[in-house]
Amino acid sequence: MQKRNNIKNDSLYEYYSAIEDDYEKKWKKKDFNSFISNQHNIFILSQPEPVGFIKARIIKDEIEIISILIDKNFRKKGIGKGLLNDLLSLANKKKIQHIFLEVSVENKVAINLYKKFNFIKIGERKDYYNLNGRNINANIMRLVLF
């Protein structure tokens, strides 16, 4: 597992669970610790303020982004861009060829950020998300690194 500044797992979980968001259901501590103990998984916490993170996993020569989350009180301040740059740096070191993610078709801010990083839409998952009883499609996006 990739983590920042040698922060202990318990502290990582505290930061992770404190980030405020209206959409993502947080993992239980045991599930989080299981995730970060796997060497193929990535958890990058924003620095210097721990107000955002990326959860991802490496599968052969690809990275799948599980979630990128920025505390709702700290959005539109470049934190997501910084986290993606950190992930790209890691991907280059590990000779990753592609990065994949799913994003709600309604999340225009995130879609625009991914497009700035040259992610392209390669498909769509129907009814992938459920928010307050409403089904929402997801774009499948891919970034080709080399």
N, C-alpha and C. Protein backbone atom coordinates (compact mmCIF):
# COMPACT_ATOMS: atom_id res chain seq x y z
N MET A 1 0.85 -1.19 0.00
CA MET A 1 0.00 0.00 0.00
C MET A 1 0.88 1.23 0.00
N GLN A 2 0.50 2.17 -0.80
CA GLN A 2 1.20 3.45 -0.88
C GLN A 2 0.56 4.42 0.09
N LYS A 3 1.34 4.97 1.03
CA LYS A 3 0.79 5.97 1.93
C LYS A 3 1.77 7.11 2.08
N ARG A 4 1.31 8.21 2.61
CA ARG A 4 2.10 9.43 2.66
C ARG A 4 2.68 9.68 4.04
N ASN A 5 3.92 10.15 4.08
CA ASN A 5 4.56 10.66 5.29
C ASN A 5 4.56 9.67 6.45
N ASN A 6 4.55 8.37 6.17
CA ASN A 6 4.62 7.34 7.21
C ASN A 6 3.57 7.54 8.31
N ILE A 7 2.40 7.97 7.94
CA ILE A 7 1.31 8.13 8.90
C ILE A 7 0.81 6.75 9.30
N LYS A 8 0.57 6.53 10.57
CA LYS A 8 0.10 5.23 11.04
C LYS A 8 -1.32 4.97 10.55
N ASN A 9 -1.65 3.67 10.42
CA ASN A 9 -2.94 3.26 9.90
C ASN A 9 -4.11 3.85 10.67
N ASP A 10 -4.02 3.89 12.01
CA ASP A 10 -5.13 4.43 12.80
C ASP A 10 -5.35 5.91 12.48
N SER A 11 -4.26 6.64 12.33
CA SER A 11 -4.37 8.06 11.99
C SER A 11 -4.93 8.24 10.58
N LEU A 12 -4.49 7.38 9.64
CA LEU A 12 -5.03 7.44 8.28
C LEU A 12 -6.54 7.25 8.31
N TYR A 13 -6.99 6.27 9.09
CA TYR A 13 -8.44 6.03 9.17
C TYR A 13 -9.17 7.23 9.77
N GLU A 14 -8.59 7.84 10.79
CA GLU A 14 -9.22 9.02 11.39
C GLU A 14 -9.36 10.15 10.37
N TYR A 15 -8.31 10.40 9.60
CA TYR A 15 -8.38 11.43 8.56
C TYR A 15 -9.42 11.06 7.51
N TYR A 16 -9.36 9.81 7.06
CA TYR A 16 -10.29 9.31 6.04
C TYR A 16 -11.74 9.48 6.49
N SER A 17 -12.04 9.06 7.70
CA SER A 17 -13.43 9.09 8.16
C SER A 17 -13.91 10.51 8.49
N ALA A 18 -12.98 11.44 8.71
CA ALA A 18 -13.36 12.82 9.05
C ALA A 18 -13.68 13.67 7.82
N ILE A 19 -13.31 13.21 6.63
CA ILE A 19 -13.55 14.00 5.43
C ILE A 19 -15.05 13.99 5.14
N GLU A 20 -15.64 15.18 5.06
CA GLU A 20 -17.09 15.31 4.91
C GLU A 20 -17.51 15.24 3.45
N ASP A 21 -18.52 14.41 3.20
CA ASP A 21 -19.05 14.23 1.86
C ASP A 21 -20.49 13.74 1.98
N ASP A 22 -21.29 14.11 1.01
CA ASP A 22 -22.69 13.71 1.04
C ASP A 22 -22.98 12.46 0.21
N TYR A 23 -21.97 11.93 -0.48
CA TYR A 23 -22.23 10.87 -1.45
C TYR A 23 -21.60 9.53 -1.09
N GLU A 24 -20.35 9.54 -0.66
CA GLU A 24 -19.66 8.27 -0.46
C GLU A 24 -19.89 7.72 0.94
N LYS A 25 -20.28 6.47 0.99
CA LYS A 25 -20.40 5.79 2.28
C LYS A 25 -19.01 5.34 2.70
N LYS A 26 -18.60 5.73 3.90
CA LYS A 26 -17.26 5.41 4.38
C LYS A 26 -17.16 3.94 4.78
N TRP A 27 -15.98 3.38 4.58
CA TRP A 27 -15.71 2.01 4.97
C TRP A 27 -15.55 1.91 6.48
N LYS A 28 -15.85 0.74 7.01
CA LYS A 28 -15.57 0.47 8.42
C LYS A 28 -14.06 0.36 8.60
N LYS A 29 -13.61 0.57 9.84
CA LYS A 29 -12.18 0.59 10.12
C LYS A 29 -11.49 -0.70 9.69
N LYS A 30 -12.10 -1.86 9.96
CA LYS A 30 -11.46 -3.12 9.59
C LYS A 30 -11.35 -3.27 8.08
N ASP A 31 -12.35 -2.79 7.34
CA ASP A 31 -12.30 -2.85 5.87
C ASP A 31 -11.24 -1.90 5.32
N PHE A 32 -11.17 -0.72 5.92
CA PHE A 32 -10.15 0.25 5.52
C PHE A 32 -8.75 -0.30 5.78
N ASN A 33 -8.53 -0.84 6.97
CA ASN A 33 -7.22 -1.39 7.30
C ASN A 33 -6.86 -2.58 6.41
N SER A 34 -7.85 -3.38 6.07
CA SER A 34 -7.61 -4.49 5.14
C SER A 34 -7.19 -3.96 3.77
N PHE A 35 -7.85 -2.91 3.32
CA PHE A 35 -7.53 -2.30 2.03
C PHE A 35 -6.09 -1.78 2.03
N ILE A 36 -5.73 -1.00 3.03
CA ILE A 36 -4.41 -0.37 3.00
C ILE A 36 -3.29 -1.36 3.31
N SER A 37 -3.61 -2.53 3.85
CA SER A 37 -2.57 -3.52 4.11
C SER A 37 -2.20 -4.31 2.86
N ASN A 38 -2.98 -4.18 1.80
CA ASN A 38 -2.71 -4.89 0.55
C ASN A 38 -1.70 -4.08 -0.27
N GLN A 39 -0.60 -4.70 -0.65
CA GLN A 39 0.47 -3.99 -1.36
C GLN A 39 0.06 -3.49 -2.74
N HIS A 40 -1.03 -4.00 -3.28
CA HIS A 40 -1.49 -3.57 -4.60
C HIS A 40 -2.48 -2.40 -4.54
N ASN A 41 -2.82 -1.99 -3.34
CA ASN A 41 -3.76 -0.90 -3.16
C ASN A 41 -3.03 0.39 -2.87
N ILE A 42 -3.69 1.49 -3.20
CA ILE A 42 -3.10 2.82 -3.05
C ILE A 42 -4.06 3.67 -2.24
N PHE A 43 -3.52 4.35 -1.25
CA PHE A 43 -4.29 5.37 -0.52
C PHE A 43 -3.38 6.58 -0.40
N ILE A 44 -3.77 7.67 -1.06
CA ILE A 44 -3.00 8.91 -1.01
C ILE A 44 -3.85 9.95 -0.31
N LEU A 45 -3.32 10.48 0.76
CA LEU A 45 -3.99 11.52 1.54
C LEU A 45 -3.42 12.88 1.14
N SER A 46 -4.28 13.86 0.96
CA SER A 46 -3.80 15.20 0.58
C SER A 46 -2.91 15.77 1.68
N GLN A 47 -1.93 16.55 1.25
CA GLN A 47 -0.99 17.19 2.16
C GLN A 47 -0.83 18.65 1.75
N PRO A 48 -0.60 19.60 2.60
CA PRO A 48 -0.38 19.40 4.03
C PRO A 48 -1.68 19.25 4.82
N GLU A 49 -2.79 19.67 4.26
CA GLU A 49 -4.07 19.52 4.96
C GLU A 49 -4.71 18.19 4.55
N PRO A 50 -5.01 17.30 5.49
CA PRO A 50 -5.62 16.00 5.16
C PRO A 50 -7.13 16.14 4.91
N VAL A 51 -7.48 16.73 3.77
CA VAL A 51 -8.89 17.01 3.48
C VAL A 51 -9.37 16.31 2.21
N GLY A 52 -8.56 15.40 1.69
CA GLY A 52 -8.94 14.66 0.51
C GLY A 52 -8.08 13.43 0.36
N PHE A 53 -8.55 12.50 -0.49
CA PHE A 53 -7.80 11.27 -0.70
C PHE A 53 -8.15 10.65 -2.04
N ILE A 54 -7.28 9.75 -2.46
CA ILE A 54 -7.54 8.84 -3.57
C ILE A 54 -7.39 7.43 -3.02
N LYS A 55 -8.38 6.59 -3.34
CA LYS A 55 -8.27 5.14 -3.11
C LYS A 55 -8.20 4.51 -4.49
N ALA A 56 -7.22 3.64 -4.69
CA ALA A 56 -7.06 2.99 -5.99
C ALA A 56 -6.41 1.63 -5.80
N ARG A 57 -6.37 0.87 -6.88
CA ARG A 57 -5.68 -0.42 -6.83
C ARG A 57 -4.94 -0.65 -8.14
N ILE A 58 -3.82 -1.33 -8.01
CA ILE A 58 -3.01 -1.69 -9.17
C ILE A 58 -3.38 -3.11 -9.57
N ILE A 59 -3.70 -3.26 -10.85
CA ILE A 59 -3.99 -4.58 -11.42
C ILE A 59 -3.10 -4.71 -12.65
N LYS A 60 -2.02 -5.48 -12.51
CA LYS A 60 -1.00 -5.66 -13.54
C LYS A 60 -0.43 -4.30 -13.94
N ASP A 61 -0.69 -3.86 -15.17
CA ASP A 61 -0.13 -2.58 -15.63
C ASP A 61 -1.18 -1.48 -15.68
N GLU A 62 -2.22 -1.62 -14.87
CA GLU A 62 -3.30 -0.64 -14.84
C GLU A 62 -3.58 -0.21 -13.40
N ILE A 63 -4.13 0.97 -13.26
CA ILE A 63 -4.64 1.44 -11.98
C ILE A 63 -6.13 1.68 -12.14
N GLU A 64 -6.90 1.19 -11.19
CA GLU A 64 -8.33 1.50 -11.12
C GLU A 64 -8.53 2.45 -9.95
N ILE A 65 -9.04 3.63 -10.24
CA ILE A 65 -9.36 4.57 -9.17
C ILE A 65 -10.71 4.16 -8.58
N ILE A 66 -10.71 3.86 -7.30
CA ILE A 66 -11.93 3.48 -6.61
C ILE A 66 -12.71 4.72 -6.21
N SER A 67 -12.00 5.70 -5.65
CA SER A 67 -12.66 6.96 -5.34
C SER A 67 -11.63 8.06 -5.13
N ILE A 68 -12.05 9.24 -5.50
CA ILE A 68 -11.34 10.47 -5.19
C ILE A 68 -12.35 11.31 -4.42
N LEU A 69 -11.97 11.74 -3.25
CA LEU A 69 -12.91 12.49 -2.43
C LEU A 69 -12.20 13.67 -1.78
N ILE A 70 -12.81 14.82 -1.94
CA ILE A 70 -12.33 16.04 -1.30
C ILE A 70 -13.43 16.50 -0.35
N ASP A 71 -13.05 16.84 0.86
CA ASP A 71 -14.02 17.35 1.83
C ASP A 71 -14.83 18.46 1.18
N LYS A 72 -16.14 18.41 1.38
CA LYS A 72 -17.03 19.38 0.71
C LYS A 72 -16.71 20.82 1.05
N ASN A 73 -16.02 21.05 2.17
CA ASN A 73 -15.66 22.42 2.56
C ASN A 73 -14.35 22.89 1.93
N PHE A 74 -13.68 22.02 1.16
CA PHE A 74 -12.36 22.36 0.60
C PHE A 74 -12.29 22.12 -0.91
N ARG A 75 -13.43 22.00 -1.56
CA ARG A 75 -13.43 21.74 -3.00
C ARG A 75 -13.09 23.00 -3.79
N LYS A 76 -12.67 22.78 -5.03
CA LYS A 76 -12.32 23.85 -5.98
C LYS A 76 -11.12 24.66 -5.50
N LYS A 77 -10.16 23.96 -4.85
CA LYS A 77 -8.95 24.62 -4.37
C LYS A 77 -7.69 23.93 -4.90
N GLY A 78 -7.86 23.05 -5.90
CA GLY A 78 -6.71 22.37 -6.49
C GLY A 78 -6.27 21.10 -5.78
N ILE A 79 -7.02 20.67 -4.78
CA ILE A 79 -6.63 19.48 -4.02
C ILE A 79 -6.76 18.22 -4.87
N GLY A 80 -7.85 18.11 -5.62
CA GLY A 80 -8.03 16.96 -6.51
C GLY A 80 -6.94 16.89 -7.56
N LYS A 81 -6.58 18.03 -8.10
CA LYS A 81 -5.51 18.10 -9.09
C LYS A 81 -4.20 17.61 -8.48
N GLY A 82 -3.89 18.04 -7.26
CA GLY A 82 -2.68 17.60 -6.58
C GLY A 82 -2.67 16.10 -6.34
N LEU A 83 -3.80 15.57 -5.92
CA LEU A 83 -3.88 14.12 -5.69
C LEU A 83 -3.69 13.34 -6.99
N LEU A 84 -4.31 13.81 -8.07
CA LEU A 84 -4.13 13.14 -9.36
C LEU A 84 -2.67 13.22 -9.82
N ASN A 85 -2.03 14.36 -9.60
CA ASN A 85 -0.61 14.46 -9.95
C ASN A 85 0.23 13.47 -9.14
N ASP A 86 -0.08 13.30 -7.86
CA ASP A 86 0.62 12.32 -7.03
C ASP A 86 0.41 10.90 -7.57
N LEU A 87 -0.82 10.61 -7.97
CA LEU A 87 -1.12 9.28 -8.52
C LEU A 87 -0.37 9.07 -9.84
N LEU A 88 -0.33 10.09 -10.69
CA LEU A 88 0.39 9.97 -11.96
C LEU A 88 1.89 9.75 -11.73
N SER A 89 2.44 10.40 -10.76
CA SER A 89 3.85 10.22 -10.43
C SER A 89 4.11 8.76 -10.02
N LEU A 90 3.24 8.23 -9.17
CA LEU A 90 3.35 6.83 -8.76
C LEU A 90 3.18 5.90 -9.97
N ALA A 91 2.21 6.20 -10.82
CA ALA A 91 1.95 5.38 -12.01
C ALA A 91 3.17 5.34 -12.92
N ASN A 92 3.81 6.47 -13.11
CA ASN A 92 5.00 6.50 -13.95
C ASN A 92 6.13 5.67 -13.37
N LYS A 93 6.33 5.75 -12.06
CA LYS A 93 7.38 4.96 -11.40
C LYS A 93 7.14 3.46 -11.56
N LYS A 94 5.85 3.08 -11.55
CA LYS A 94 5.50 1.66 -11.63
C LYS A 94 5.21 1.21 -13.06
N LYS A 95 5.47 2.08 -14.03
CA LYS A 95 5.28 1.76 -15.46
C LYS A 95 3.84 1.33 -15.78
N ILE A 96 2.89 2.04 -15.18
CA ILE A 96 1.47 1.78 -15.42
C ILE A 96 1.11 2.31 -16.82
N GLN A 97 0.32 1.54 -17.56
CA GLN A 97 -0.06 1.94 -18.91
C GLN A 97 -1.39 2.70 -18.97
N HIS A 98 -2.35 2.31 -18.11
CA HIS A 98 -3.69 2.91 -18.14
C HIS A 98 -4.19 3.17 -16.73
N ILE A 99 -5.01 4.21 -16.60
CA ILE A 99 -5.74 4.46 -15.38
C ILE A 99 -7.22 4.53 -15.74
N PHE A 100 -8.04 3.80 -15.00
CA PHE A 100 -9.48 3.76 -15.24
C PHE A 100 -10.23 4.32 -14.03
N LEU A 101 -11.44 4.81 -14.29
CA LEU A 101 -12.32 5.25 -13.21
C LEU A 101 -13.76 5.30 -13.71
N GLU A 102 -14.68 5.33 -12.77
CA GLU A 102 -16.08 5.61 -13.06
C GLU A 102 -16.44 6.89 -12.34
N VAL A 103 -17.27 7.70 -13.00
CA VAL A 103 -17.70 8.96 -12.41
C VAL A 103 -19.16 9.21 -12.80
N SER A 104 -19.93 9.72 -11.87
CA SER A 104 -21.34 10.03 -12.14
C SER A 104 -21.45 10.99 -13.32
N VAL A 105 -22.38 10.71 -14.20
CA VAL A 105 -22.60 11.60 -15.35
C VAL A 105 -23.02 13.00 -14.88
N GLU A 106 -23.50 13.10 -13.64
CA GLU A 106 -23.92 14.38 -13.09
C GLU A 106 -22.79 15.16 -12.43
N ASN A 107 -21.64 14.53 -12.23
CA ASN A 107 -20.53 15.18 -11.53
C ASN A 107 -19.66 15.92 -12.55
N LYS A 108 -20.16 17.03 -13.02
CA LYS A 108 -19.50 17.81 -14.08
C LYS A 108 -18.14 18.35 -13.64
N VAL A 109 -18.01 18.74 -12.38
CA VAL A 109 -16.73 19.26 -11.89
C VAL A 109 -15.65 18.18 -12.00
N ALA A 110 -15.96 16.98 -11.56
CA ALA A 110 -14.99 15.88 -11.63
C ALA A 110 -14.69 15.51 -13.08
N ILE A 111 -15.73 15.42 -13.90
CA ILE A 111 -15.52 15.07 -15.31
C ILE A 111 -14.60 16.09 -15.98
N ASN A 112 -14.80 17.36 -15.71
CA ASN A 112 -13.93 18.39 -16.30
C ASN A 112 -12.50 18.25 -15.80
N LEU A 113 -12.31 17.94 -14.53
CA LEU A 113 -10.96 17.71 -14.01
C LEU A 113 -10.30 16.55 -14.73
N TYR A 114 -11.01 15.44 -14.87
CA TYR A 114 -10.44 14.28 -15.53
C TYR A 114 -10.10 14.59 -16.99
N LYS A 115 -10.94 15.34 -17.66
CA LYS A 115 -10.65 15.73 -19.05
C LYS A 115 -9.38 16.58 -19.14
N LYS A 116 -9.15 17.44 -18.15
CA LYS A 116 -7.92 18.24 -18.13
C LYS A 116 -6.68 17.36 -18.01
N PHE A 117 -6.84 16.18 -17.43
CA PHE A 117 -5.75 15.22 -17.31
C PHE A 117 -5.73 14.24 -18.49
N ASN A 118 -6.57 14.50 -19.50
CA ASN A 118 -6.64 13.70 -20.73
C ASN A 118 -7.31 12.34 -20.56
N PHE A 119 -8.13 12.18 -19.53
CA PHE A 119 -8.99 11.01 -19.46
C PHE A 119 -10.04 11.15 -20.57
N ILE A 120 -10.40 10.04 -21.19
CA ILE A 120 -11.46 10.05 -22.20
C ILE A 120 -12.55 9.06 -21.80
N LYS A 121 -13.77 9.38 -22.19
CA LYS A 121 -14.89 8.49 -21.93
C LYS A 121 -14.80 7.31 -22.88
N ILE A 122 -14.86 6.10 -22.31
CA ILE A 122 -14.81 4.90 -23.14
C ILE A 122 -16.07 4.06 -23.02
N GLY A 123 -16.98 4.46 -22.15
CA GLY A 123 -18.22 3.71 -21.98
C GLY A 123 -19.08 4.33 -20.90
N GLU A 124 -20.20 3.67 -20.65
CA GLU A 124 -21.13 4.15 -19.63
C GLU A 124 -21.76 2.96 -18.93
N ARG A 125 -21.91 3.07 -17.63
CA ARG A 125 -22.60 2.04 -16.84
C ARG A 125 -23.97 2.59 -16.44
N LYS A 126 -25.01 1.89 -16.88
CA LYS A 126 -26.38 2.33 -16.59
C LYS A 126 -26.71 2.05 -15.12
N ASP A 127 -27.34 3.04 -14.49
CA ASP A 127 -27.82 2.90 -13.11
C ASP A 127 -26.70 2.45 -12.14
N TYR A 128 -25.50 2.96 -12.32
CA TYR A 128 -24.34 2.53 -11.52
C TYR A 128 -24.41 3.06 -10.09
N TYR A 129 -24.90 4.28 -9.93
CA TYR A 129 -25.01 4.89 -8.61
C TYR A 129 -26.48 4.99 -8.22
N ASN A 130 -26.73 5.00 -6.90
CA ASN A 130 -28.06 5.25 -6.40
C ASN A 130 -27.95 6.34 -5.35
N LEU A 131 -28.61 7.44 -5.59
CA LEU A 131 -28.57 8.58 -4.67
C LEU A 131 -30.00 8.94 -4.30
N ASN A 132 -30.32 8.75 -3.04
CA ASN A 132 -31.66 9.06 -2.54
C ASN A 132 -32.76 8.40 -3.36
N GLY A 133 -32.54 7.13 -3.71
CA GLY A 133 -33.54 6.38 -4.46
C GLY A 133 -33.55 6.66 -5.96
N ARG A 134 -32.63 7.47 -6.41
CA ARG A 134 -32.55 7.83 -7.83
C ARG A 134 -31.33 7.16 -8.46
N ASN A 135 -31.51 6.41 -9.55
CA ASN A 135 -30.41 5.77 -10.25
C ASN A 135 -29.72 6.77 -11.17
N ILE A 136 -28.37 6.71 -11.16
CA ILE A 136 -27.56 7.63 -11.95
C ILE A 136 -26.53 6.83 -12.72
N ASN A 137 -26.39 7.12 -14.00
CA ASN A 137 -25.40 6.45 -14.83
C ASN A 137 -24.00 6.94 -14.48
N ALA A 138 -23.00 6.12 -14.85
CA ALA A 138 -21.60 6.49 -14.64
C ALA A 138 -20.87 6.45 -15.97
N ASN A 139 -20.00 7.44 -16.20
CA ASN A 139 -19.07 7.37 -17.32
C ASN A 139 -17.90 6.51 -16.90
N ILE A 140 -17.45 5.66 -17.80
CA ILE A 140 -16.20 4.93 -17.61
C ILE A 140 -15.15 5.74 -18.37
N MET A 141 -14.08 6.10 -17.68
CA MET A 141 -13.06 6.94 -18.30
C MET A 141 -11.69 6.26 -18.17
N ARG A 142 -10.85 6.52 -19.17
CA ARG A 142 -9.52 5.92 -19.20
C ARG A 142 -8.48 6.97 -19.57
N LEU A 143 -7.33 6.86 -18.93
CA LEU A 143 -6.17 7.67 -19.27
C LEU A 143 -5.10 6.72 -19.78
N VAL A 144 -4.60 6.96 -20.98
CA VAL A 144 -3.52 6.17 -21.54
C VAL A 144 -2.22 6.89 -21.22
N LEU A 145 -1.31 6.21 -20.53
CA LEU A 145 -0.05 6.81 -20.13
C LEU A 145 1.07 6.53 -21.14
N PHE A 146 1.11 5.30 -21.66
CA PHE A 146 2.06 4.97 -22.72
C PHE A 146 1.68 3.67 -23.36
